[in-house]
Amino acid sequence: MQTIFISIKCELGKAYQVADDMVQKVAEVSEVYSTSGQYDLLLKAYLADDQDIGHFVNESIQTVPGISDTFTTIAFKAFT
């Protein structure tokens, strides 16, 4: 299982709609947080080991209406 975090910049006034769309329509999305700073949302997703991260971001995330920019971070290990 691959864990990725995607920071999302939304068009003005679209952050809540984008967050709702992510949670409701993209099965791999675990959580979406509203954030302050350069990006509006922080999305956490779990992908299968054989799933291509680039295709996932390009086809499942960046095509959602209201998104203007993304920044993807790949997580290597979770410490608990």
Protein backbone atom coordinates (compact mmCIF):
# COMPACT_ATOMS: atom_id res chain seq x y z
CA MET A 1 0.00 0.00 0.00
CA GLN A 2 1.33 3.43 -0.96
CA THR A 3 0.43 6.52 1.07
CA ILE A 4 0.44 9.92 -0.61
CA PHE A 5 -0.48 13.41 0.49
CA ILE A 6 -1.69 15.96 -2.03
CA SER A 7 -1.82 19.66 -1.28
CA ILE A 8 -4.56 21.26 -3.36
CA LYS A 9 -5.01 24.89 -4.37
CA CYS A 10 -8.64 25.61 -5.27
CA GLU A 11 -10.34 28.27 -7.33
CA LEU A 12 -11.80 30.99 -5.13
CA GLY A 13 -14.91 29.83 -3.29
CA LYS A 14 -14.53 26.18 -4.35
CA ALA A 15 -12.60 24.54 -1.47
CA TYR A 16 -15.60 23.02 0.31
CA GLN A 17 -17.05 21.62 -2.91
CA VAL A 18 -13.69 20.17 -3.94
CA ALA A 19 -13.23 18.55 -0.51
CA ASP A 20 -16.71 17.02 -0.66
CA ASP A 21 -16.13 15.73 -4.21
CA MET A 22 -12.83 14.12 -3.17
CA VAL A 23 -14.33 12.27 -0.21
CA GLN A 24 -17.49 11.19 -2.02
CA LYS A 25 -16.15 10.27 -5.47
CA VAL A 26 -12.53 9.10 -5.17
CA ALA A 27 -12.33 5.70 -3.44
CA GLU A 28 -8.61 5.96 -2.63
CA VAL A 29 -9.06 9.17 -0.63
CA SER A 30 -8.89 8.58 3.11
CA GLU A 31 -9.13 12.10 4.52
CA VAL A 32 -9.27 15.72 3.37
CA TYR A 33 -8.31 18.62 5.63
CA SER A 34 -8.77 22.35 5.12
CA THR A 35 -5.47 24.14 5.69
CA SER A 36 -4.02 27.61 5.93
CA GLY A 37 -1.15 28.83 3.84
CA GLN A 38 -0.27 28.36 0.18
CA TYR A 39 -2.72 25.49 -0.37
CA ASP A 40 -6.38 25.19 0.63
CA LEU A 41 -6.71 21.44 1.21
CA LEU A 42 -4.53 18.51 2.26
CA LEU A 43 -5.67 15.14 0.95
CA LYS A 44 -4.47 11.74 2.18
CA ALA A 45 -4.84 8.77 -0.15
CA TYR A 46 -3.90 5.11 -0.10
CA LEU A 47 -2.99 3.49 -3.41
CA ALA A 48 -2.33 -0.14 -4.26
CA ASP A 49 1.37 -0.97 -4.63
CA ASP A 50 0.97 -1.44 -8.37
CA GLN A 51 -1.09 1.74 -8.90
CA ASP A 52 0.74 4.52 -10.74
CA ILE A 53 0.81 7.69 -8.63
CA GLY A 54 1.21 10.00 -11.61
CA HIS A 55 -1.81 8.60 -13.40
CA PHE A 56 -3.88 8.71 -10.20
CA VAL A 57 -3.09 12.38 -9.55
CA ASN A 58 -3.43 13.36 -13.19
CA GLU A 59 -6.68 11.51 -13.90
CA SER A 60 -8.51 11.27 -10.56
CA ILE A 61 -7.50 14.46 -8.74
CA GLN A 62 -6.47 17.20 -11.16
CA THR A 63 -9.58 16.68 -13.31
CA VAL A 64 -11.96 17.58 -10.45
CA PRO A 65 -13.66 20.94 -11.14
CA GLY A 66 -12.43 23.75 -8.91
CA ILE A 67 -8.79 22.59 -8.57
CA SER A 68 -6.17 24.99 -9.88
CA ASP A 69 -2.92 23.41 -8.61
CA THR A 70 -1.60 20.37 -6.73
CA PHE A 71 1.58 19.34 -4.94
CA THR A 72 2.10 15.64 -4.24
CA THR A 73 4.21 14.19 -1.42
CA ILE A 74 4.97 10.46 -1.27
CA ALA A 75 5.17 9.03 2.28
CA PHE A 76 7.76 6.34 2.98
CA LYS A 77 7.05 5.21 6.55
CA ALA A 78 4.44 5.99 9.19
CA PHE A 79 5.69 6.25 12.77
CA THR A 80 3.22 5.43 15.53
